[in-house]
Amino acid sequence: MTTTPPANALKIMVIDDSSTIRRSAEIFLTQAGYQVVLAEDGFDALAKINDHHPALVFCDILMPRLDGYQTCALIKKSAKFHTTPVLMLSSKDGLFDRARGAMVGSAAYLTKPFTKDSLLTAVREHTGGAVASAE
Protein backbone atom coordinates (compact mmCIF):
# COMPACT_ATOMS: atom_id res chain seq x y z
CA MET A 1 0.00 0.00 0.00
CA THR A 2 1.49 3.29 -1.07
CA THR A 3 0.33 6.41 0.64
CA THR A 4 0.67 9.79 -0.98
CA PRO A 5 2.33 12.33 1.32
CA PRO A 6 0.37 15.52 1.98
CA ALA A 7 1.04 18.46 -0.34
CA ASN A 8 2.73 20.36 2.50
CA ALA A 9 5.12 17.50 3.32
CA LEU A 10 8.83 18.28 3.30
CA LYS A 11 10.50 17.48 -0.02
CA ILE A 12 13.63 15.36 -0.05
CA MET A 13 15.73 14.97 -3.20
CA VAL A 14 17.62 11.73 -3.77
CA ILE A 15 20.36 11.80 -6.43
CA ASP A 16 21.80 8.39 -7.28
CA ASP A 17 22.59 6.60 -10.51
CA SER A 18 21.42 3.30 -8.97
CA SER A 19 17.70 2.72 -9.46
CA THR A 20 17.79 0.31 -6.50
CA ILE A 21 19.14 2.97 -4.14
CA ARG A 22 16.70 5.59 -5.47
CA ARG A 23 13.77 3.19 -5.04
CA SER A 24 14.81 2.15 -1.50
CA ALA A 25 15.17 5.76 -0.41
CA GLU A 26 11.87 6.66 -2.06
CA ILE A 27 10.02 3.86 -0.24
CA PHE A 28 11.54 4.69 3.16
CA LEU A 29 10.92 8.43 2.84
CA THR A 30 7.42 8.16 1.35
CA GLN A 31 6.34 5.74 4.10
CA ALA A 32 7.57 8.31 6.63
CA GLY A 33 5.40 10.98 4.98
CA TYR A 34 7.97 12.92 2.94
CA GLN A 35 7.61 13.98 -0.70
CA VAL A 36 10.47 12.55 -2.73
CA VAL A 37 12.13 13.97 -5.84
CA LEU A 38 14.41 11.51 -7.65
CA ALA A 39 17.34 12.34 -9.91
CA GLU A 40 19.63 9.95 -11.79
CA ASP A 41 22.71 12.16 -11.77
CA GLY A 42 23.97 15.65 -11.05
CA PHE A 43 22.68 17.19 -14.28
CA ASP A 44 19.23 15.68 -13.72
CA ALA A 45 19.26 17.02 -10.14
CA LEU A 46 20.31 20.53 -11.15
CA ALA A 47 17.52 20.60 -13.73
CA LYS A 48 14.92 19.59 -11.09
CA ILE A 49 16.09 21.42 -7.96
CA ASN A 50 14.68 24.83 -9.02
CA ASP A 51 11.23 23.38 -9.64
CA HIS A 52 11.00 21.39 -6.43
CA HIS A 53 12.94 23.34 -3.74
CA PRO A 54 13.83 20.30 -1.59
CA ALA A 55 14.38 20.78 2.16
CA LEU A 56 17.26 18.29 1.99
CA VAL A 57 19.32 16.56 -0.71
CA PHE A 58 20.90 13.10 -0.58
CA CYS A 59 23.64 12.90 -3.18
CA ASP A 60 25.59 9.84 -4.33
CA ILE A 61 29.32 10.43 -4.82
CA LEU A 62 30.15 8.11 -7.71
CA MET A 63 27.94 9.09 -10.66
CA PRO A 64 28.52 9.50 -14.39
CA ARG A 65 28.92 12.95 -16.02
CA LEU A 66 28.84 15.04 -12.83
CA ASP A 67 29.97 13.37 -9.60
CA GLY A 68 28.51 13.98 -6.16
CA TYR A 69 31.27 16.36 -5.07
CA GLN A 70 30.74 18.55 -8.14
CA THR A 71 26.95 18.39 -7.75
CA CYS A 72 27.15 19.33 -4.05
CA ALA A 73 29.54 22.21 -4.80
CA LEU A 74 27.19 23.58 -7.49
CA ILE A 75 24.16 23.36 -5.17
CA LYS A 76 26.10 25.08 -2.38
CA LYS A 77 27.30 27.88 -4.72
CA SER A 78 23.72 28.68 -5.68
CA ALA A 79 22.31 31.72 -3.88
CA LYS A 80 18.93 30.01 -3.68
CA PHE A 81 20.12 26.65 -2.30
CA HIS A 82 23.33 27.41 -0.37
CA THR A 83 21.53 26.74 2.94
CA THR A 84 19.94 23.47 1.76
CA PRO A 85 21.63 20.55 3.56
CA VAL A 86 23.33 18.12 1.17
CA LEU A 87 24.14 14.67 2.59
CA MET A 88 26.59 12.55 0.67
CA LEU A 89 25.78 8.89 -0.04
CA SER A 90 28.62 6.49 -0.69
CA SER A 91 29.50 2.83 -0.51
CA LYS A 92 32.99 3.93 0.56
CA ASP A 93 33.44 4.90 4.20
CA GLY A 94 36.86 6.50 4.05
CA LEU A 95 38.14 9.49 5.95
CA PHE A 96 39.30 11.09 2.67
CA ASP A 97 35.80 10.81 1.17
CA ARG A 98 34.22 12.35 4.27
CA ALA A 99 36.77 15.20 4.29
CA ARG A 100 36.28 15.88 0.59
CA GLY A 101 32.50 15.93 1.11
CA ALA A 102 32.88 18.44 3.94
CA MET A 103 35.13 20.60 1.76
CA VAL A 104 32.41 20.99 -0.88
CA GLY A 105 29.80 21.84 1.74
CA SER A 106 28.15 18.53 2.51
CA ALA A 107 26.36 18.48 5.88
CA ALA A 108 26.88 14.77 6.53
CA TYR A 109 27.92 11.47 5.05
CA LEU A 110 25.76 8.34 4.91
CA THR A 111 27.21 4.97 3.99
CA LYS A 112 25.35 2.70 1.58
CA PRO A 113 23.55 0.43 2.00
CA PHE A 114 21.64 2.60 4.46
CA THR A 115 18.83 1.43 6.71
CA LYS A 116 15.43 3.05 6.97
CA ASP A 117 16.37 4.23 10.49
CA SER A 118 19.70 5.77 9.45
CA LEU A 119 18.07 7.56 6.51
CA LEU A 120 15.18 8.97 8.57
CA THR A 121 17.49 9.93 11.46
CA ALA A 122 19.70 11.86 9.02
CA VAL A 123 16.63 13.66 7.62
CA ARG A 124 15.41 14.65 11.11
CA GLU A 125 18.89 15.82 12.18
CA HIS A 126 19.31 18.06 9.14
CA THR A 127 15.80 19.50 8.85
CA GLY A 128 15.76 20.82 12.40
CA GLY A 129 13.88 17.79 13.69
CA ALA A 130 10.95 18.63 11.45
CA VAL A 131 8.47 15.86 10.98
CA ALA A 132 7.41 14.84 7.51
CA SER A 133 4.46 17.22 7.29
CA ALA A 134 5.72 20.77 7.60
CA GLU A 135 3.54 23.33 9.36
C-alpha atoms as a PDB file:
ATOM      1  CA  MET A   1       0.000   0.000   0.000  1.00  0.00           C
ATOM      2  CA  THR A   2       1.492   3.290  -1.075  1.00  0.00           C
ATOM      3  CA  THR A   3       0.333   6.410   0.645  1.00  0.00           C
ATOM      4  CA  THR A   4       0.675   9.788  -0.981  1.00  0.00           C
ATOM      5  CA  PRO A   5       2.333  12.330   1.322  1.00  0.00           C
ATOM      6  CA  PRO A   6       0.373  15.524   1.975  1.00  0.00           C
ATOM      7  CA  ALA A   7       1.040  18.459  -0.343  1.00  0.00           C
ATOM      8  CA  ASN A   8       2.731  20.361   2.496  1.00  0.00           C
ATOM      9  CA  ALA A   9       5.117  17.498   3.321  1.00  0.00           C
ATOM     10  CA  LEU A  10       8.834  18.277   3.299  1.00  0.00           C
ATOM     11  CA  LYS A  11      10.496  17.478  -0.023  1.00  0.00           C
ATOM     12  CA  ILE A  12      13.630  15.363  -0.051  1.00  0.00           C
ATOM     13  CA  MET A  13      15.730  14.972  -3.201  1.00  0.00           C
ATOM     14  CA  VAL A  14      17.621  11.730  -3.768  1.00  0.00           C
ATOM     15  CA  ILE A  15      20.358  11.802  -6.426  1.00  0.00           C
ATOM     16  CA  ASP A  16      21.801   8.394  -7.278  1.00  0.00           C
ATOM     17  CA  ASP A  17      22.592   6.601 -10.515  1.00  0.00           C
ATOM     18  CA  SER A  18      21.422   3.302  -8.970  1.00  0.00           C
ATOM     19  CA  SER A  19      17.699   2.717  -9.464  1.00  0.00           C
ATOM     20  CA  THR A  20      17.788   0.307  -6.499  1.00  0.00           C
ATOM     21  CA  ILE A  21      19.137   2.974  -4.139  1.00  0.00           C
ATOM     22  CA  ARG A  22      16.696   5.589  -5.469  1.00  0.00           C
ATOM     23  CA  ARG A  23      13.772   3.188  -5.045  1.00  0.00           C
ATOM     24  CA  SER A  24      14.812   2.148  -1.502  1.00  0.00           C
ATOM     25  CA  ALA A  25      15.173   5.763  -0.405  1.00  0.00           C
ATOM     26  CA  GLU A  26      11.872   6.664  -2.060  1.00  0.00           C
ATOM     27  CA  ILE A  27      10.017   3.864  -0.244  1.00  0.00           C
ATOM     28  CA  PHE A  28      11.545   4.690   3.159  1.00  0.00           C
ATOM     29  CA  LEU A  29      10.924   8.434   2.835  1.00  0.00           C
ATOM     30  CA  THR A  30       7.422   8.155   1.346  1.00  0.00           C
ATOM     31  CA  GLN A  31       6.344   5.742   4.101  1.00  0.00           C
ATOM     32  CA  ALA A  32       7.567   8.309   6.634  1.00  0.00           C
ATOM     33  CA  GLY A  33       5.405  10.977   4.975  1.00  0.00           C
ATOM     34  CA  TYR A  34       7.967  12.915   2.936  1.00  0.00           C
ATOM     35  CA  GLN A  35       7.607  13.980  -0.699  1.00  0.00           C
ATOM     36  CA  VAL A  36      10.470  12.548  -2.734  1.00  0.00           C
ATOM     37  CA  VAL A  37      12.127  13.966  -5.841  1.00  0.00           C
ATOM     38  CA  LEU A  38      14.408  11.508  -7.650  1.00  0.00           C
ATOM     39  CA  ALA A  39      17.343  12.344  -9.908  1.00  0.00           C
ATOM     40  CA  GLU A  40      19.627   9.946 -11.790  1.00  0.00           C
ATOM     41  CA  ASP A  41      22.710  12.156 -11.774  1.00  0.00           C
ATOM     42  CA  GLY A  42      23.973  15.654 -11.047  1.00  0.00           C
ATOM     43  CA  PHE A  43      22.681  17.189 -14.283  1.00  0.00           C
ATOM     44  CA  ASP A  44      19.232  15.683 -13.717  1.00  0.00           C
ATOM     45  CA  ALA A  45      19.262  17.023 -10.137  1.00  0.00           C
ATOM     46  CA  LEU A  46      20.315  20.531 -11.146  1.00  0.00           C
ATOM     47  CA  ALA A  47      17.516  20.597 -13.727  1.00  0.00           C
ATOM     48  CA  LYS A  48      14.921  19.593 -11.086  1.00  0.00           C
ATOM     49  CA  ILE A  49      16.087  21.421  -7.957  1.00  0.00           C
ATOM     50  CA  ASN A  50      14.680  24.828  -9.017  1.00  0.00           C
ATOM     51  CA  ASP A  51      11.232  23.383  -9.642  1.00  0.00           C
ATOM     52  CA  HIS A  52      11.000  21.393  -6.426  1.00  0.00           C
ATOM     53  CA  HIS A  53      12.936  23.336  -3.742  1.00  0.00           C
ATOM     54  CA  PRO A  54      13.831  20.303  -1.589  1.00  0.00           C
ATOM     55  CA  ALA A  55      14.384  20.781   2.156  1.00  0.00           C
ATOM     56  CA  LEU A  56      17.263  18.288   1.987  1.00  0.00           C
ATOM     57  CA  VAL A  57      19.318  16.563  -0.713  1.00  0.00           C
ATOM     58  CA  PHE A  58      20.896  13.098  -0.578  1.00  0.00           C
ATOM     59  CA  CYS A  59      23.644  12.896  -3.183  1.00  0.00           C
ATOM     60  CA  ASP A  60      25.585   9.838  -4.328  1.00  0.00           C
ATOM     61  CA  ILE A  61      29.316  10.430  -4.818  1.00  0.00           C
ATOM     62  CA  LEU A  62      30.150   8.110  -7.714  1.00  0.00           C
ATOM     63  CA  MET A  63      27.944   9.092 -10.659  1.00  0.00           C
ATOM     64  CA  PRO A  64      28.521   9.504 -14.395  1.00  0.00           C
ATOM     65  CA  ARG A  65      28.917  12.946 -16.021  1.00  0.00           C
ATOM     66  CA  LEU A  66      28.840  15.038 -12.827  1.00  0.00           C
ATOM     67  CA  ASP A  67      29.966  13.368  -9.605  1.00  0.00           C
ATOM     68  CA  GLY A  68      28.514  13.979  -6.162  1.00  0.00           C
ATOM     69  CA  TYR A  69      31.269  16.355  -5.069  1.00  0.00           C
ATOM     70  CA  GLN A  70      30.737  18.552  -8.144  1.00  0.00           C
ATOM     71  CA  THR A  71      26.952  18.393  -7.748  1.00  0.00           C
ATOM     72  CA  CYS A  72      27.149  19.330  -4.050  1.00  0.00           C
ATOM     73  CA  ALA A  73      29.544  22.209  -4.799  1.00  0.00           C
ATOM     74  CA  LEU A  74      27.189  23.576  -7.489  1.00  0.00           C
ATOM     75  CA  ILE A  75      24.156  23.364  -5.173  1.00  0.00           C
ATOM     76  CA  LYS A  76      26.104  25.085  -2.376  1.00  0.00           C
ATOM     77  CA  LYS A  77      27.303  27.878  -4.725  1.00  0.00           C
ATOM     78  CA  SER A  78      23.716  28.684  -5.677  1.00  0.00           C
ATOM     79  CA  ALA A  79      22.307  31.722  -3.879  1.00  0.00           C
ATOM     80  CA  LYS A  80      18.931  30.015  -3.684  1.00  0.00           C
ATOM     81  CA  PHE A  81      20.124  26.655  -2.302  1.00  0.00           C
ATOM     82  CA  HIS A  82      23.327  27.408  -0.373  1.00  0.00           C
ATOM     83  CA  THR A  83      21.532  26.741   2.939  1.00  0.00           C
ATOM     84  CA  THR A  84      19.939  23.467   1.760  1.00  0.00           C
ATOM     85  CA  PRO A  85      21.634  20.549   3.555  1.00  0.00           C
ATOM     86  CA  VAL A  86      23.335  18.115   1.165  1.00  0.00           C
ATOM     87  CA  LEU A  87      24.136  14.675   2.586  1.00  0.00           C
ATOM     88  CA  MET A  88      26.592  12.545   0.668  1.00  0.00           C
ATOM     89  CA  LEU A  89      25.781   8.890  -0.042  1.00  0.00           C
ATOM     90  CA  SER A  90      28.621   6.488  -0.687  1.00  0.00           C
ATOM     91  CA  SER A  91      29.500   2.828  -0.511  1.00  0.00           C
ATOM     92  CA  LYS A  92      32.991   3.929   0.562  1.00  0.00           C
ATOM     93  CA  ASP A  93      33.443   4.897   4.196  1.00  0.00           C
ATOM     94  CA  GLY A  94      36.859   6.497   4.054  1.00  0.00           C
ATOM     95  CA  LEU A  95      38.144   9.494   5.950  1.00  0.00           C
ATOM     96  CA  PHE A  96      39.301  11.086   2.669  1.00  0.00           C
ATOM     97  CA  ASP A  97      35.798  10.812   1.169  1.00  0.00           C
ATOM     98  CA  ARG A  98      34.219  12.354   4.274  1.00  0.00           C
ATOM     99  CA  ALA A  99      36.774  15.201   4.290  1.00  0.00           C
ATOM    100  CA  ARG A 100      36.279  15.877   0.592  1.00  0.00           C
ATOM    101  CA  GLY A 101      32.505  15.931   1.109  1.00  0.00           C
ATOM    102  CA  ALA A 102      32.882  18.438   3.943  1.00  0.00           C
ATOM    103  CA  MET A 103      35.134  20.597   1.759  1.00  0.00           C
ATOM    104  CA  VAL A 104      32.411  20.985  -0.884  1.00  0.00           C
ATOM    105  CA  GLY A 105      29.800  21.841   1.744  1.00  0.00           C
ATOM    106  CA  SER A 106      28.149  18.528   2.508  1.00  0.00           C
ATOM    107  CA  ALA A 107      26.357  18.482   5.879  1.00  0.00           C
ATOM    108  CA  ALA A 108      26.879  14.770   6.534  1.00  0.00           C
ATOM    109  CA  TYR A 109      27.918  11.466   5.051  1.00  0.00           C
ATOM    110  CA  LEU A 110      25.757   8.338   4.913  1.00  0.00           C
ATOM    111  CA  THR A 111      27.213   4.970   3.986  1.00  0.00           C
ATOM    112  CA  LYS A 112      25.349   2.697   1.575  1.00  0.00           C
ATOM    113  CA  PRO A 113      23.552   0.430   1.997  1.00  0.00           C
ATOM    114  CA  PHE A 114      21.643   2.597   4.461  1.00  0.00           C
ATOM    115  CA  THR A 115      18.834   1.427   6.707  1.00  0.00           C
ATOM    116  CA  LYS A 116      15.430   3.055   6.968  1.00  0.00           C
ATOM    117  CA  ASP A 117      16.374   4.234  10.487  1.00  0.00           C
ATOM    118  CA  SER A 118      19.704   5.771   9.454  1.00  0.00           C
ATOM    119  CA  LEU A 119      18.067   7.556   6.506  1.00  0.00           C
ATOM    120  CA  LEU A 120      15.185   8.972   8.572  1.00  0.00           C
ATOM    121  CA  THR A 121      17.490   9.929  11.457  1.00  0.00           C
ATOM    122  CA  ALA A 122      19.696  11.857   9.016  1.00  0.00           C
ATOM    123  CA  VAL A 123      16.630  13.662   7.618  1.00  0.00           C
ATOM    124  CA  ARG A 124      15.410  14.647  11.105  1.00  0.00           C
ATOM    125  CA  GLU A 125      18.886  15.821  12.176  1.00  0.00           C
ATOM    126  CA  HIS A 126      19.306  18.062   9.137  1.00  0.00           C
ATOM    127  CA  THR A 127      15.801  19.497   8.854  1.00  0.00           C
ATOM    128  CA  GLY A 128      15.756  20.815  12.397  1.00  0.00           C
ATOM    129  CA  GLY A 129      13.877  17.791  13.692  1.00  0.00           C
ATOM    130  CA  ALA A 130      10.948  18.632  11.452  1.00  0.00           C
ATOM    131  CA  VAL A 131       8.472  15.856  10.982  1.00  0.00           C
ATOM    132  CA  ALA A 132       7.413  14.838   7.506  1.00  0.00           C
ATOM    133  CA  SER A 133       4.460  17.221   7.287  1.00  0.00           C
ATOM    134  CA  ALA A 134       5.716  20.773   7.603  1.00  0.00           C
ATOM    135  CA  GLU A 135       3.545  23.330   9.357  1.00  0.00           C
END
